[in-house]
């Protein structure tokens, strides 16, 4: 189940292949669809909310609008997208703490922009 910052509901049920969406952000829609992709073992997307956010934000800047589970307060969508793509590449190369790495990068890159 996903909520936007305005507490609007979005749900995805992998077992039932059902999605309920009501007046929600692009991020929440993509995030809930990513949950369905997580349960397909061929996709090799790790299970969990934070990893779901990383993989969702790697899709594009337009789905980095209401990120919920990652520490991205004040981070530009372009940076979120860029870092999440890099984090997935690092995970594929064996980095296990790719989510922590990404959150550190958000902070570093925002400081260097200011």
Foldseek 3Di string as FASTA:
>chain_A
DDAFPVRADWAADLVVRDIDHDPDALLRVLLRVLQNVCPPVVSVQDDDNLSSSLVSLLVDLRNQPGRDPAPQVPFRSVLSNVLSVVLVVVVVVPDPVSRVVSNVSSVVVVVVVD
